[in-house]
Each structure stands twice: as structure tokens, then as C-alpha cells.
Amino acid sequence: MNSYAEVLGDSCDGDKKNYTEVIVEEGKNISKLLNDLIGLIKLEDNSVDLNSEKFDILELIKINLRKYRLDLDEKKVGVILDSKGMEEVWVTGDKFRLSQVVNNFLSNAVSYVENGGKIRVNIYKKQERVLVEVINSGPKISGNHIDYIWEPFYKVDESRNRKYGGTGLGLAISKGILEKHGSEHGVVNLEDGVKFWFEVKIRGEQQST
């Protein structure tokens, strides 16, 4: 349907072109929602098989950060990536699925960080695992909302105004992916912002002593 609307939009001008652009955008939103719903259902009924491999999660984070360069520049947000001097951080897991988690956590951080604020990504070795923290300055998650934000379609309180749209399934999908990996994860209010974090198994030869 989107393809037909795009072709129609190319041949229109004025209000008609605006209408077709709205149809195309809404079609994309519906498609993303359906894809996210299918992904969540597969995670919940255990029909998703993990493709475990060794990969550099530091490089994965850098790649995902680059996706938000224009948004970060627009909001004049400073970004700190602290890997404790490590140039590579090898872990074991499903690279594609864990990239979804990283992207979701970064997307939330970019959405909620205030103009002129900061986003910090910390990577630590923790015994046989790597701990990844994504921290954004800005409003906290108030009240009891913090206990339910991993639920599908749960709406966070309006004090954390969100500029960028989403399906409301990102955190639920991230939770499912991390649980499939046996990874601890969570969210914490800080004095001047919010921290999302998760752990992933470290590559054998890099295990801490």
C-alpha cells in the first residue's frame, strides 16, 4: 500500500501531496507496529532461536550511536562513551538481537534527554560478564511508573515528554531478548537523569580474573 501512495504522491502537488505523505508515514508506523508485535509474540512463545556468536559490543554500540548523530546535534547533546580504556570488548550472544536492545536504550535516551544535556554510555567488565549502562540527563521516571515500563504499550508519565515516536513495544521486546540471554537488566532513577543497564556474557578468553 505504501508503494502506491508514494507513487501517487510523486504525481500530486499541494494539499493532495501532503495527504499522501501522511498516508505513507502512517503506513510505515502500522508496519513497524505489526513487526514489533510479531517479534514480541515470538519471544513470548519461545519460537525465537538465538544465534550465539562472539562479537565486539563496543563496536556495536559505536555503530548504533552514529544513527542518532543528527538528532544529537539538533538537541546539542554531548555524548560520552566510556569503555575504561578498552579498545575492544568481546562478548557472546545474538548480535542482531542485542543490537535491538542497544538501539532501543539509545533511542529512549535520545528521546528523553533535554536540549543541551548529556548521554553517557559506560562499559565495564564484571567477572564473567560485561555491564552496559546507558544514562541520559533529564527528567526522572516518576512514581510507580518505573516498575511497569517493561510492559507492552505501558505509557510513561507525561513529565518525560517524548519527541520521537515509537510503538510502545521497544522495552518489552528488549526485556524478552535479555531474558532469552539470561541477562540481568534494569532501570534506575539518578539524581539528574535515568540509567538503563544490562549484562551480557563475556568472551571466554577475556574473562576477568
Protein backbone atom coordinates (compact mmCIF):
# COMPACT_ATOMS: atom_id res chain seq x y z
CA MET A 1 0.00 0.00 0.00
CA ASN A 2 2.83 2.41 0.83
CA SER A 3 4.36 1.95 -2.61
CA TYR A 4 1.11 3.01 -4.32
CA ALA A 5 0.79 6.01 -2.00
CA GLU A 6 4.37 7.07 -2.72
CA VAL A 7 3.81 6.86 -6.48
CA LEU A 8 0.59 8.84 -6.11
CA GLY A 9 2.39 11.46 -4.02
CA ASP A 10 5.05 11.93 -6.70
CA SER A 11 2.35 12.83 -9.20
CA CYS A 12 0.50 15.26 -6.89
CA ASP A 13 1.14 18.70 -5.53
CA GLY A 14 -0.30 20.99 -2.85
CA ASP A 15 -2.76 19.50 -0.36
CA LYS A 16 -3.02 16.20 -2.23
CA LYS A 17 0.72 15.67 -1.88
CA ASN A 18 0.50 16.44 1.86
CA TYR A 19 -2.31 13.92 2.26
CA THR A 20 -0.36 11.17 0.51
CA GLU A 21 2.72 11.92 2.67
CA VAL A 22 0.56 11.43 5.77
CA ILE A 23 -0.75 8.12 4.37
CA VAL A 24 2.82 6.93 3.68
CA GLU A 25 4.00 7.88 7.16
CA GLU A 26 1.04 6.20 8.86
CA GLY A 27 1.62 3.11 6.73
CA LYS A 28 5.20 2.94 7.97
CA ASN A 29 4.01 3.29 11.58
CA ILE A 30 1.49 0.48 11.16
CA SER A 31 4.11 -1.74 9.52
CA LYS A 32 6.56 -1.16 12.39
CA LEU A 33 3.87 -1.85 14.97
CA LEU A 34 2.95 -5.13 13.29
CA ASN A 35 6.58 -6.18 13.03
CA ASP A 36 7.17 -5.36 16.70
CA LEU A 37 4.04 -7.26 17.73
CA ILE A 38 5.14 -10.32 15.76
CA GLY A 39 8.59 -10.10 17.32
CA LEU A 40 7.16 -9.85 20.83
CA ILE A 41 4.79 -12.78 20.29
CA LYS A 42 7.66 -14.95 19.04
CA LEU A 43 9.74 -14.07 22.10
CA GLU A 44 6.88 -14.84 24.47
CA ASP A 45 6.09 -18.24 22.95
CA ASN A 46 9.80 -19.17 22.73
CA SER A 47 9.76 -19.52 18.95
CA VAL A 48 12.85 -17.32 18.60
CA ASP A 49 16.17 -19.15 18.44
CA LEU A 50 19.27 -17.20 19.45
CA ASN A 51 22.20 -17.20 17.05
CA SER A 52 25.04 -17.13 19.57
CA GLU A 53 28.33 -15.70 18.31
CA LYS A 54 31.32 -13.74 19.55
CA PHE A 55 31.33 -10.05 18.66
CA ASP A 56 32.72 -6.71 19.79
CA ILE A 57 29.91 -4.98 21.68
CA LEU A 58 31.89 -1.73 21.87
CA GLU A 59 31.91 -1.51 18.08
CA LEU A 60 28.21 -2.42 18.03
CA ILE A 61 27.44 0.50 20.37
CA LYS A 62 29.50 2.91 18.26
CA ILE A 63 27.58 1.88 15.13
CA ASN A 64 24.23 2.40 16.85
CA LEU A 65 25.31 5.77 18.25
CA ARG A 66 26.09 7.03 14.75
CA LYS A 67 22.43 6.57 13.80
CA TYR A 68 21.48 9.39 16.17
CA ARG A 69 24.18 11.90 15.22
CA LEU A 70 21.77 14.34 13.56
CA ASP A 71 19.27 14.17 16.45
CA LEU A 72 22.05 14.67 18.99
CA ASP A 73 23.45 17.63 17.06
CA GLU A 74 19.98 19.17 16.79
CA LYS A 75 19.47 18.92 20.55
CA LYS A 76 23.08 19.97 21.26
CA VAL A 77 23.58 16.84 23.36
CA GLY A 78 27.04 15.78 24.47
CA VAL A 79 27.87 12.05 24.29
CA ILE A 80 30.43 10.24 26.43
CA LEU A 81 31.40 6.65 25.61
CA ASP A 82 33.50 5.21 28.43
CA SER A 83 34.93 1.73 27.86
CA LYS A 84 37.55 2.04 30.64
CA GLY A 85 40.37 2.19 28.13
CA MET A 86 39.32 -1.00 26.32
CA GLU A 87 39.53 -0.78 22.52
CA GLU A 88 37.57 -4.00 22.02
CA VAL A 89 35.01 -5.72 24.26
CA TRP A 90 34.22 -9.22 23.04
CA VAL A 91 31.03 -10.87 24.26
CA THR A 92 28.94 -13.90 23.37
CA GLY A 93 25.30 -13.62 22.31
CA ASP A 94 22.93 -12.98 19.45
CA LYS A 95 24.47 -9.90 17.82
CA PHE A 96 21.33 -8.92 15.89
CA ARG A 97 19.03 -9.23 18.92
CA LEU A 98 21.41 -7.44 21.29
CA SER A 99 21.75 -4.67 18.72
CA GLN A 100 17.99 -4.23 19.04
CA VAL A 101 18.41 -3.78 22.79
CA VAL A 102 21.26 -1.28 22.41
CA ASN A 103 19.32 0.66 19.79
CA ASN A 104 16.19 0.76 21.98
CA PHE A 105 18.08 2.00 25.04
CA LEU A 106 19.86 4.66 22.96
CA SER A 107 16.59 5.69 21.29
CA ASN A 108 15.00 6.21 24.70
CA ALA A 109 17.99 8.23 25.87
CA VAL A 110 17.89 10.48 22.79
CA SER A 111 14.11 10.88 23.14
CA TYR A 112 14.17 11.99 26.76
CA VAL A 113 17.46 13.86 27.17
CA GLU A 114 16.89 17.59 27.47
CA ASN A 115 18.32 20.07 24.98
CA GLY A 116 21.94 20.76 25.86
CA GLY A 117 22.02 17.66 28.08
CA LYS A 118 24.30 14.64 28.12
CA ILE A 119 24.15 10.95 27.26
CA ARG A 120 26.73 8.62 28.75
CA VAL A 121 27.38 5.00 27.79
CA ASN A 122 29.53 3.03 30.22
CA ILE A 123 31.01 -0.41 29.54
CA TYR A 124 32.53 -2.39 32.40
CA LYS A 125 33.91 -5.88 32.84
CA LYS A 126 32.14 -7.57 35.72
CA GLN A 127 33.52 -11.03 36.50
CA GLU A 128 32.31 -13.23 33.60
CA ARG A 129 30.02 -10.59 32.13
CA VAL A 130 30.09 -7.14 30.58
CA LEU A 131 27.86 -4.44 32.04
CA VAL A 132 26.46 -1.81 29.66
CA GLU A 133 24.88 1.36 31.05
CA VAL A 134 23.03 4.00 29.01
CA ILE A 135 22.48 7.18 31.02
CA ASN A 136 20.66 10.32 29.95
CA SER A 137 20.31 13.58 31.84
CA GLY A 138 16.80 14.95 32.11
CA PRO A 139 13.55 14.19 33.94
CA LYS A 140 13.24 11.08 36.06
CA ILE A 141 10.59 8.38 35.68
CA SER A 142 8.20 9.37 38.44
CA GLY A 143 6.04 7.44 40.87
CA ASN A 144 5.37 3.75 40.29
CA HIS A 145 5.85 4.01 36.53
CA ILE A 146 9.39 2.70 36.77
CA ASP A 147 8.03 -0.70 37.87
CA TYR A 148 5.89 -1.12 34.75
CA ILE A 149 7.81 0.40 31.84
CA TRP A 150 8.83 -3.05 30.58
CA GLU A 151 5.18 -3.95 29.97
CA PRO A 152 3.85 -3.78 26.38
CA PHE A 153 2.18 -0.44 25.50
CA TYR A 154 2.68 0.96 29.01
CA LYS A 155 2.71 4.76 28.89
CA VAL A 156 5.36 6.54 30.90
CA ASP A 157 4.21 9.62 32.81
CA GLU A 158 3.84 12.77 30.75
CA SER A 159 6.63 14.58 32.64
CA ARG A 160 9.09 12.75 30.38
CA ASN A 161 7.96 14.38 27.14
CA ARG A 162 8.83 12.31 24.13
CA LYS A 163 9.61 13.97 20.81
CA TYR A 164 10.25 10.83 18.81
CA GLY A 165 7.51 8.33 18.16
CA GLY A 166 7.55 4.62 18.96
CA THR A 167 5.27 1.62 19.12
CA GLY A 168 5.38 1.24 22.91
CA LEU A 169 6.87 -2.23 22.50
CA GLY A 170 10.59 -1.48 22.44
CA LEU A 171 11.30 -2.07 26.12
CA ALA A 172 9.06 -5.16 26.24
CA ILE A 173 10.98 -6.63 23.29
CA SER A 174 14.31 -5.70 24.89
CA LYS A 175 13.24 -7.42 28.10
CA GLY A 176 12.33 -10.58 26.17
CA ILE A 177 15.65 -10.61 24.32
CA LEU A 178 17.66 -10.14 27.52
CA GLU A 179 15.71 -12.82 29.35
CA LYS A 180 16.41 -15.23 26.47
CA HIS A 181 20.10 -14.47 27.02
CA GLY A 182 19.81 -14.97 30.78
CA SER A 183 20.96 -11.36 31.16
CA GLU A 184 20.22 -9.19 34.16
CA HIS A 185 18.82 -5.77 33.26
CA GLY A 186 17.05 -2.81 34.80
CA VAL A 187 16.37 0.90 35.05
CA VAL A 188 17.31 3.32 37.83
CA ASN A 189 16.48 6.95 38.52
CA LEU A 190 19.58 9.03 39.14
CA GLU A 191 19.92 12.45 40.73
CA ASP A 192 19.90 14.18 37.34
CA GLY A 193 18.50 11.59 34.95
CA VAL A 194 17.82 7.92 34.22
CA LYS A 195 20.02 4.86 33.70
CA PHE A 196 19.11 1.73 31.72
CA TRP A 197 21.52 -1.18 32.02
CA PHE A 198 22.05 -4.79 31.02
CA GLU A 199 24.69 -7.51 31.30
CA VAL A 200 25.89 -9.96 28.66
CA LYS A 201 28.24 -12.94 28.82
CA ILE A 202 31.86 -12.10 28.19
CA ARG A 203 34.02 -13.98 25.69
CA GLY A 204 35.94 -16.75 27.46
CA GLU A 205 39.47 -15.53 26.91
CA GLN A 206 38.58 -12.05 28.19
CA GLN A 207 37.05 -13.18 31.48
CA SER A 208 38.17 -11.18 34.48
CA THR A 209 40.49 -12.84 36.96
